[in-house]
Amino acid sequence: MRDEEREVREIDSQTVRAAGVPDDDEISLLDLALVLVKRKKLIFWMTFGLAFLVAIYSLVTPKIYRAETRLLPPKSATLEGALLDTMVGGGSGALAALSGKTPGDLYVGIVKGRTVMDKVIERFKLQEIYKQENLDRTRDVLTDNLEAKSDLKTGIITIAVLDKDPVRAAEMANGFVDALKKVASGLAISEAAQKRLYYEEQLKDVQEKLMKSETALKDFQERTGFQEAESQTAAQVQTLAKLRAEIAAREVEMAALRNYATAENPEYKKVSSELAGLKQQLSKLEASRGSSMDPLNPEGGMPAVRLEYLRLLREVKFNEVLFGILTKQYEMAKLGEVKDAAVIQVIDEAVPPQVKFKPKRTLMVLLAAVLGFFLSIFAAFFLEFLENARRDPESAAKLEAFKRYARITRDDFTLRRGVRP
C-alpha cells in the first residue's frame, strides 16, 4: 500500500514539472531569492542612500544639550500628605500607595504650570531666543524642551531642560527651581497654611463687625446719654458674650477643618465635642435666666432704653471676645505654617553638560539603514510584480486600465451642464 502511494507521488511530481508548475515549498523560496539577487543594486543603493542622507542630516542638525537638577520635596507639607494625615492617618507614603502618585507630583504640576513657565520665559528672554510671536507659542516650545517628573519610589523630582547652549540649559534648569520656590511659597499647600488663610478672612470679617458694633454703641450713648450698666448686669453680658464668642470660634474652627478633613478626623471630633458642650452651657444659662427669649430681660420688665443698651453692649463684647480668640488661632496657624513650611531642597544643582544629548548619529544611521533595507525589498518585489504583469496580456490590460482611471484630468473637476442622468 505504501509503495503504491509513493508511486502516485512520483507521478504527480513528474506531472507538475512537465506542466511547468512551480513547487510551493522549494521554488517559491528560490523565486524570492532570485528577486533579491536580481534587484541587489536597488537594495544596496536604496539602503546606503537613505543611511547616507540621514548621516548628512545628523551632521548638520544642531547639537542639543540636556541639563538636569534633582529636588527633594517636603513630604509633610504637601496637600496630599495633609489630606491623608487627617483622613487616614497613614502619612504621604500610604497615599502614594493608594493613588499611585507621590507627593512630588504636586510640585511637578506646578513646574509645568503657566505661572512658573512665564517667570522662566521672562527671566531668560526666551521669546526672543525661540523667535516666537507670542507667549503661547513660546510656552509650547518650552514645554517641548522641559522634562519634569517625580520618582514613584523615592519621591525625588527631576527637572531637565534641553537647549542648544549647555550653559543656558543649566541656568534654565536652576531657574525653574527658583521659580518653583517662589510660587510654592505663596500657595497654601500645608494644612497650617490653609488654616491661616481661613482665619485671616474670618478675622477681617469679625474686625469689621466689631468696629460697626462699637460705633453703634457710641452713637446710642451720645443720642440717649445712657451710661454704663451696673456691675452685675455688665458681668452677665460679659459671660453671655464670651460663651457665644467661644461657640462662634469653635464653629469657625470646624469650618476650617472641613477644608481638608472629614468627620472621622480626631481633631474634628474634638472640636465638635467642645462645641456641643459650649452650646449645652449656653442653654443652661439661658434657662436659668427665665423663659423669655432674651436672657438679658427674662421677665420683660426692663426699660427699652436700658435693654437696647445692653444688647448693643453684648454685641460689642461678643465681637471683642471672638476677635481675641480668632487672633490667637490665627497666630497659632502662622506658627504652624512656619514650622511646616514647604522647604524644597536641591539635591543636585544643574551644571553645564559636556556631552550632547542629541542627535544620536549612530542610532539614527542604523535605523535609517534598517528602514532603507526593508523599503528596498518592498520596492524590489513591487518592480518584479509590475514586470510580470506586463508580460501577462490579461494583467497588462488591467494595469493599463488602472493607469487610465488613476490619471487625473481637468474634466474630473469640471461640472458638465446640460447633461441629465
Protein backbone atom coordinates (compact mmCIF):
# COMPACT_ATOMS: atom_id res chain seq x y z
CA MET A 1 0.00 0.00 0.00
CA ARG A 2 2.89 2.37 0.85
CA ASP A 3 4.63 1.51 -2.44
CA GLU A 4 1.52 2.48 -4.37
CA GLU A 5 1.28 5.87 -2.56
CA ARG A 6 4.96 6.50 -3.25
CA GLU A 7 4.48 5.78 -6.97
CA VAL A 8 1.49 8.12 -7.12
CA ARG A 9 3.51 10.95 -5.53
CA GLU A 10 6.37 10.45 -8.01
CA ILE A 11 3.93 10.52 -10.92
CA ASP A 12 2.32 13.73 -9.59
CA SER A 13 5.73 15.35 -9.13
CA GLN A 14 6.75 14.47 -12.69
CA THR A 15 3.45 15.80 -13.99
CA VAL A 16 3.96 19.10 -12.17
CA ARG A 17 7.48 19.50 -13.54
CA ALA A 18 6.27 18.67 -17.07
CA ALA A 19 3.47 21.23 -16.79
CA GLY A 20 5.89 23.89 -15.55
CA VAL A 21 4.02 24.45 -12.27
CA PRO A 22 6.41 25.58 -9.53
CA ASP A 23 6.75 23.70 -6.25
CA ASP A 24 5.48 25.92 -3.42
CA ASP A 25 7.98 24.73 -0.78
CA GLU A 26 11.19 25.00 -2.80
CA ILE A 27 10.58 27.02 -5.93
CA SER A 28 8.76 29.90 -4.15
CA LEU A 29 11.69 30.46 -1.78
CA LEU A 30 14.04 30.28 -4.69
CA ASP A 31 11.93 32.82 -6.56
CA LEU A 32 12.19 35.17 -3.62
CA ALA A 33 15.94 34.78 -3.52
CA LEU A 34 16.15 35.34 -7.27
CA VAL A 35 14.19 38.56 -6.99
CA LEU A 36 16.52 39.84 -4.27
CA VAL A 37 19.62 38.93 -6.22
CA LYS A 38 18.17 40.40 -9.40
CA ARG A 39 17.47 43.71 -7.65
CA LYS A 40 20.59 43.72 -5.47
CA LYS A 41 21.77 47.07 -6.81
CA LEU A 42 18.45 48.68 -5.94
CA ILE A 43 18.57 47.19 -2.44
CA PHE A 44 22.16 48.28 -1.88
CA TRP A 45 21.85 51.82 -3.17
CA MET A 46 18.50 52.44 -1.52
CA THR A 47 19.77 51.21 1.85
CA PHE A 48 23.07 53.04 1.56
CA GLY A 49 21.48 56.18 0.15
CA LEU A 50 18.94 56.57 2.95
CA ALA A 51 21.60 55.91 5.60
CA PHE A 52 23.90 58.44 3.91
CA LEU A 53 21.20 61.11 3.77
CA VAL A 54 20.33 60.60 7.44
CA ALA A 55 24.03 60.78 8.32
CA ILE A 56 24.32 64.12 6.50
CA TYR A 57 21.19 65.37 8.26
CA SER A 58 22.56 64.35 11.66
CA LEU A 59 25.78 66.24 10.94
CA VAL A 60 24.04 69.49 10.04
CA THR A 61 21.47 69.24 12.86
CA PRO A 62 22.41 71.49 15.82
CA LYS A 63 23.62 69.77 18.95
CA ILE A 64 21.14 69.68 21.83
CA TYR A 65 22.35 69.51 25.43
CA ARG A 66 20.40 68.30 28.44
CA ALA A 67 20.95 69.75 31.92
CA GLU A 68 19.05 68.41 34.91
CA THR A 69 18.59 69.15 38.58
CA ARG A 70 17.16 66.89 41.28
CA LEU A 71 14.97 68.09 44.16
CA LEU A 72 13.65 66.67 47.40
CA PRO A 73 10.12 67.98 48.04
CA PRO A 74 8.80 68.49 51.58
CA LYS A 75 6.78 65.34 52.21
CA SER A 76 4.91 66.57 55.27
CA ALA A 77 3.89 69.89 53.72
CA THR A 78 2.20 68.59 50.60
CA LEU A 79 -1.50 68.85 50.15
CA GLU A 80 -1.81 65.13 49.55
CA GLY A 81 0.12 64.32 52.70
CA ALA A 82 -2.03 66.68 54.76
CA LEU A 83 -5.19 65.13 53.40
CA LEU A 84 -4.06 61.63 54.20
CA ASP A 85 -2.73 62.52 57.64
CA THR A 86 -6.12 63.93 58.60
CA MET A 87 -8.32 61.38 56.84
CA VAL A 88 -6.37 58.13 57.14
CA GLY A 89 -3.51 58.88 59.49
CA GLY A 90 -1.04 56.93 57.41
CA GLY A 91 1.25 59.63 56.03
CA SER A 92 2.03 60.60 52.46
CA GLY A 93 3.66 57.27 51.69
CA ALA A 94 0.34 55.49 52.17
CA LEU A 95 -1.29 57.98 49.86
CA ALA A 96 1.23 57.17 47.17
CA ALA A 97 0.37 53.50 47.53
CA LEU A 98 -3.36 54.25 47.28
CA SER A 99 -3.36 56.72 44.41
CA GLY A 100 -0.20 55.72 42.54
CA LYS A 101 1.13 59.26 42.98
CA THR A 102 3.97 60.67 45.03
CA PRO A 103 3.95 63.98 46.92
CA GLY A 104 6.39 65.29 44.32
CA ASP A 105 3.70 65.07 41.63
CA LEU A 106 2.10 68.18 43.12
CA TYR A 107 5.30 70.16 42.55
CA VAL A 108 5.80 68.67 39.08
CA GLY A 109 2.37 70.03 38.19
CA ILE A 110 3.40 73.47 39.50
CA VAL A 111 6.61 73.37 37.43
CA LYS A 112 4.62 72.66 34.26
CA GLY A 113 2.12 75.40 35.08
CA ARG A 114 1.81 78.72 33.28
CA THR A 115 2.97 80.82 36.24
CA VAL A 116 6.34 79.10 36.62
CA MET A 117 6.90 78.97 32.86
CA ASP A 118 6.17 82.67 32.44
CA LYS A 119 8.73 83.52 35.13
CA VAL A 120 11.37 81.45 33.31
CA ILE A 121 10.43 82.93 29.93
CA GLU A 122 10.70 86.46 31.28
CA ARG A 123 13.97 85.81 33.11
CA PHE A 124 15.82 84.28 30.16
CA LYS A 125 14.02 86.25 27.39
CA LEU A 126 13.01 83.01 25.69
CA GLN A 127 10.52 84.67 23.38
CA GLU A 128 13.43 86.33 21.59
CA ILE A 129 15.64 83.24 21.76
CA TYR A 130 12.93 80.92 20.41
CA LYS A 131 11.86 83.60 17.90
CA GLN A 132 8.15 83.28 18.69
CA GLU A 133 5.44 85.87 18.17
CA ASN A 134 3.57 85.44 21.45
CA LEU A 135 3.80 83.81 24.86
CA ASP A 136 1.52 80.91 23.97
CA ARG A 137 3.86 79.67 21.25
CA THR A 138 6.87 80.28 23.49
CA ARG A 139 5.28 78.13 26.21
CA ASP A 140 4.69 75.35 23.66
CA VAL A 141 8.35 75.37 22.65
CA LEU A 142 9.48 75.49 26.28
CA THR A 143 7.15 72.60 27.13
CA ASP A 144 8.81 70.51 24.41
CA ASN A 145 12.22 71.34 25.88
CA LEU A 146 11.19 70.65 29.50
CA GLU A 147 11.23 67.32 31.32
CA ALA A 148 9.77 67.23 34.82
CA LYS A 149 8.92 64.01 36.63
CA SER A 150 8.72 62.54 40.11
CA ASP A 151 10.11 59.13 41.04
CA LEU A 152 7.36 56.92 42.43
CA LYS A 153 9.66 55.10 44.87
CA THR A 154 11.87 57.88 46.21
CA GLY A 155 9.67 60.93 45.53
CA ILE A 156 12.69 62.80 44.11
CA ILE A 157 11.80 65.38 41.44
CA THR A 158 13.91 65.63 38.30
CA ILE A 159 13.77 68.81 36.22
CA ALA A 160 15.67 68.74 32.91
CA VAL A 161 15.94 71.36 30.16
CA LEU A 162 17.05 70.85 26.56
CA ASP A 163 18.85 73.67 24.79
CA LYS A 164 21.47 74.32 22.13
CA ASP A 165 23.65 76.15 24.68
CA PRO A 166 24.83 73.89 27.53
CA VAL A 167 25.36 76.83 29.90
CA ARG A 168 21.90 78.22 29.24
CA ALA A 169 20.37 74.76 29.67
CA ALA A 170 21.88 74.52 33.18
CA GLU A 171 20.84 78.06 34.08
CA MET A 172 17.28 77.44 32.90
CA ALA A 173 17.02 74.21 34.90
CA ASN A 174 18.12 76.06 38.03
CA GLY A 175 15.79 78.91 37.06
CA PHE A 176 12.84 76.51 37.16
CA VAL A 177 13.82 75.61 40.73
CA ASP A 178 13.92 79.27 41.76
CA ALA A 179 10.54 79.95 40.15
CA LEU A 180 9.08 76.84 41.80
CA LYS A 181 10.22 78.01 45.24
CA LYS A 182 8.68 81.45 44.73
CA VAL A 183 5.35 80.11 43.52
CA ALA A 184 5.15 77.34 46.15
CA SER A 185 5.89 79.77 48.96
CA GLY A 186 2.80 81.78 48.03
CA LEU A 187 0.45 78.79 47.90
CA ALA A 188 -1.48 77.31 50.79
CA ILE A 189 -0.09 73.82 50.37
CA SER A 190 0.19 72.83 54.01
CA GLU A 191 -2.63 72.27 56.49
CA ALA A 192 -1.41 75.18 58.64
CA ALA A 193 -1.37 77.49 55.63
CA GLN A 194 -4.97 76.64 54.83
CA LYS A 195 -5.94 77.37 58.43
CA ARG A 196 -4.05 80.64 58.38
CA LEU A 197 -5.82 81.81 55.21
CA TYR A 198 -9.23 80.88 56.57
CA TYR A 199 -8.65 82.58 59.93
CA GLU A 200 -7.30 85.63 58.14
CA GLU A 201 -10.55 86.00 56.22
CA GLN A 202 -12.65 85.45 59.35
CA LEU A 203 -10.59 87.99 61.31
CA LYS A 204 -11.24 90.68 58.71
CA ASP A 205 -14.96 89.98 58.90
CA VAL A 206 -15.07 90.00 62.72
CA GLN A 207 -12.94 93.15 62.90
CA GLU A 208 -15.38 94.93 60.61
CA LYS A 209 -18.34 93.78 62.73
CA LEU A 210 -16.55 94.89 65.91
CA MET A 211 -15.99 98.38 64.53
CA LYS A 212 -19.63 98.63 63.47
CA SER A 213 -20.90 97.44 66.87
CA GLU A 214 -18.63 99.89 68.73
CA THR A 215 -19.82 102.71 66.52
CA ALA A 216 -23.45 101.74 67.10
CA LEU A 217 -22.95 101.68 70.89
CA LYS A 218 -21.20 105.06 70.85
CA ASP A 219 -23.94 106.62 68.74
CA PHE A 220 -26.57 105.20 71.09
CA GLN A 221 -24.87 106.67 74.16
CA GLU A 222 -24.46 110.04 72.51
CA ARG A 223 -28.09 110.06 71.43
CA THR A 224 -29.61 108.89 74.72
CA GLY A 225 -26.99 109.86 77.26
CA PHE A 226 -27.23 106.40 78.85
CA GLN A 227 -24.16 105.43 80.89
CA GLU A 228 -22.57 102.13 81.91
CA ALA A 229 -24.85 99.48 83.41
CA GLU A 230 -24.40 98.16 86.92
CA SER A 231 -21.55 95.75 87.52
CA GLN A 232 -23.77 92.68 87.94
CA THR A 233 -25.55 93.21 84.65
CA ALA A 234 -22.28 94.00 82.88
CA ALA A 235 -20.83 90.73 84.21
CA GLN A 236 -23.81 88.82 82.87
CA VAL A 237 -23.37 90.47 79.49
CA GLN A 238 -19.67 89.60 79.54
CA THR A 239 -20.43 85.96 80.40
CA LEU A 240 -23.02 85.59 77.65
CA ALA A 241 -20.80 87.31 75.10
CA LYS A 242 -17.79 85.19 75.99
CA LEU A 243 -19.77 81.95 75.78
CA ARG A 244 -21.32 82.83 72.45
CA ALA A 245 -17.97 84.00 71.12
CA GLU A 246 -16.37 80.69 72.06
CA ILE A 247 -19.21 78.88 70.29
CA ALA A 248 -18.69 81.03 67.20
CA ALA A 249 -14.93 80.42 67.35
CA ARG A 250 -15.45 76.65 67.50
CA GLU A 251 -17.79 76.88 64.52
CA VAL A 252 -15.13 78.80 62.59
CA GLU A 253 -12.54 76.18 63.54
CA MET A 254 -14.82 73.38 62.35
CA ALA A 255 -15.39 75.20 59.08
CA ALA A 256 -11.63 75.47 58.63
CA LEU A 257 -11.20 71.75 59.33
CA ARG A 258 -13.82 70.86 56.72
CA ASN A 259 -11.48 72.20 54.03
CA TYR A 260 -9.14 69.23 54.39
CA ALA A 261 -10.61 66.77 56.94
CA THR A 262 -13.63 64.51 57.31
CA ALA A 263 -15.96 63.91 60.22
CA GLU A 264 -13.79 60.94 61.26
CA ASN A 265 -10.77 63.12 61.87
CA PRO A 266 -9.74 63.10 65.58
CA GLU A 267 -9.27 66.87 65.71
CA TYR A 268 -12.64 67.40 64.04
CA LYS A 269 -14.30 65.13 66.61
CA LYS A 270 -12.60 67.01 69.45
CA VAL A 271 -13.76 70.43 68.25
CA SER A 272 -17.26 69.06 67.61
CA SER A 273 -17.44 67.71 71.16
CA GLU A 274 -16.26 71.04 72.61
CA LEU A 275 -18.85 72.89 70.53
CA ALA A 276 -21.65 70.64 71.80
CA GLY A 277 -20.53 71.24 75.40
CA LEU A 278 -20.48 75.02 74.96
CA LYS A 279 -23.94 75.01 73.41
CA GLN A 280 -25.19 72.96 76.35
CA GLN A 281 -23.73 75.50 78.79
CA LEU A 282 -25.42 78.33 76.91
CA SER A 283 -28.75 76.52 77.02
CA LYS A 284 -28.46 76.03 80.79
CA LEU A 285 -27.51 79.67 81.32
CA GLU A 286 -30.43 80.91 79.25
CA ALA A 287 -32.79 78.51 81.03
CA SER A 288 -31.67 79.82 84.42
CA ARG A 289 -32.47 83.38 83.35
CA GLY A 290 -36.13 82.59 82.73
CA SER A 291 -38.46 81.60 79.94
CA SER A 292 -38.02 84.78 77.91
CA MET A 293 -36.29 84.63 74.51
CA ASP A 294 -33.81 87.28 75.67
CA PRO A 295 -31.75 86.27 78.75
CA LEU A 296 -30.95 89.92 79.43
CA ASN A 297 -34.65 90.65 80.00
CA PRO A 298 -36.08 87.44 81.46
CA GLU A 299 -39.22 88.97 82.98
CA GLY A 300 -39.82 91.53 80.25
CA GLY A 301 -39.82 94.44 82.68
CA MET A 302 -36.58 96.18 81.71
CA PRO A 303 -36.88 99.69 80.23
CA ALA A 304 -36.49 99.85 76.48
CA VAL A 305 -33.50 102.22 76.60
CA ARG A 306 -31.57 100.08 79.05
CA LEU A 307 -32.47 96.91 77.17
CA GLU A 308 -31.24 98.39 73.86
CA TYR A 309 -28.03 99.49 75.56
CA LEU A 310 -27.38 96.00 76.96
CA ARG A 311 -27.98 94.42 73.58
CA LEU A 312 -25.52 96.79 71.91
CA LEU A 313 -23.05 96.19 74.72
CA ARG A 314 -23.48 92.43 74.34
CA GLU A 315 -22.73 92.72 70.59
CA VAL A 316 -19.56 94.68 71.32
CA LYS A 317 -18.37 92.22 73.96
CA PHE A 318 -19.20 89.28 71.71
CA ASN A 319 -17.14 90.66 68.81
CA GLU A 320 -14.29 91.60 71.16
CA VAL A 321 -14.04 88.12 72.63
CA LEU A 322 -14.44 86.46 69.25
CA PHE A 323 -11.79 88.71 67.74
CA GLY A 324 -9.40 87.80 70.54
CA ILE A 325 -9.98 84.06 70.17
CA LEU A 326 -9.60 84.16 66.39
CA THR A 327 -6.45 86.25 66.73
CA LYS A 328 -4.86 83.58 68.93
CA GLN A 329 -5.87 80.83 66.49
CA TYR A 330 -4.55 82.89 63.61
CA GLU A 331 -1.19 83.35 65.32
CA MET A 332 -1.01 79.62 66.08
CA ALA A 333 -1.75 78.83 62.42
CA LYS A 334 1.02 81.23 61.37
CA LEU A 335 3.49 79.48 63.69
CA GLY A 336 2.38 76.13 62.32
CA GLU A 337 2.85 77.38 58.78
CA VAL A 338 6.41 78.44 59.57
CA LYS A 339 7.06 75.07 61.16
CA ASP A 340 5.62 73.14 58.21
CA ALA A 341 6.99 75.49 55.57
CA ALA A 342 7.36 73.95 52.13
CA VAL A 343 11.15 73.89 52.00
CA ILE A 344 12.33 72.49 48.67
CA GLN A 345 15.82 71.04 48.96
CA VAL A 346 18.12 70.84 45.96
CA ILE A 347 19.96 67.52 45.85
CA ASP A 348 21.91 68.05 42.60
CA GLU A 349 22.21 71.51 41.11
CA ALA A 350 22.23 71.65 37.30
CA VAL A 351 25.66 72.09 35.72
CA PRO A 352 26.53 72.67 32.03
CA PRO A 353 26.68 69.25 30.32
CA GLN A 354 29.84 68.33 28.44
CA VAL A 355 28.30 65.68 26.18
CA LYS A 356 25.47 66.39 23.75
CA PHE A 357 22.12 64.73 24.35
CA LYS A 358 21.08 64.57 20.70
CA PRO A 359 21.22 63.97 17.79
CA LYS A 360 22.36 60.39 18.34
CA ARG A 361 24.02 59.94 14.98
CA THR A 362 24.95 56.25 15.19
CA LEU A 363 21.47 55.22 16.19
CA MET A 364 19.91 57.41 13.52
CA VAL A 365 22.10 55.94 10.78
CA LEU A 366 21.43 52.36 11.90
CA LEU A 367 17.68 52.91 11.97
CA ALA A 368 17.82 54.59 8.56
CA ALA A 369 19.77 51.65 7.15
CA VAL A 370 17.27 49.13 8.51
CA LEU A 371 14.34 51.18 7.20
CA GLY A 372 16.02 51.61 3.82
CA PHE A 373 16.69 47.86 3.61
CA PHE A 374 13.05 46.93 4.18
CA LEU A 375 11.81 49.64 1.82
CA SER A 376 14.18 48.46 -0.87
CA ILE A 377 12.96 44.86 -0.50
CA PHE A 378 9.38 46.06 -0.88
CA ALA A 379 10.37 48.12 -3.93
CA ALA A 380 12.18 45.13 -5.45
CA PHE A 381 9.13 42.87 -5.19
CA PHE A 382 6.84 45.63 -6.43
CA LEU A 383 9.01 46.17 -9.52
CA GLU A 384 9.08 42.43 -10.11
CA PHE A 385 5.30 42.34 -9.88
CA LEU A 386 4.97 45.13 -12.45
CA GLU A 387 7.40 43.37 -14.77
CA ASN A 388 5.48 40.09 -14.59
CA ALA A 389 2.18 41.92 -15.02
CA ARG A 390 3.37 43.46 -18.30
CA ARG A 391 4.27 40.03 -19.67
CA ASP A 392 0.82 38.59 -18.99
CA PRO A 393 -1.71 40.02 -21.51
CA GLU A 394 -4.61 39.91 -19.06
CA SER A 395 -2.61 41.57 -16.26
CA ALA A 396 -1.18 44.10 -18.71
CA ALA A 397 -4.70 45.10 -19.78
CA LYS A 398 -5.76 45.52 -16.16
CA LEU A 399 -2.64 47.57 -15.46
CA GLU A 400 -3.35 49.90 -18.38
CA ALA A 401 -6.95 50.29 -17.25
CA PHE A 402 -5.76 51.13 -13.75
CA LYS A 403 -3.40 53.81 -15.14
CA ARG A 404 -6.18 55.26 -17.25
CA TYR A 405 -8.63 55.50 -14.37
CA ALA A 406 -5.98 56.77 -11.95
CA ARG A 407 -4.98 59.63 -14.27
CA ILE A 408 -6.38 62.97 -13.07
CA THR A 409 -7.56 65.38 -15.77
CA ARG A 410 -9.30 68.73 -15.85
CA ASP A 411 -12.59 67.05 -16.70
CA ASP A 412 -12.60 65.39 -13.30
CA PHE A 413 -13.03 68.82 -11.68
CA THR A 414 -15.45 70.30 -14.25
CA LEU A 415 -19.20 70.10 -13.79
CA ARG A 416 -20.89 69.29 -17.03
CA ARG A 417 -24.00 71.39 -17.56
CA GLY A 418 -26.99 70.39 -19.54
CA VAL A 419 -26.34 66.67 -19.05
CA ARG A 420 -29.05 64.89 -17.20
CA PRO A 421 -28.57 61.44 -15.73
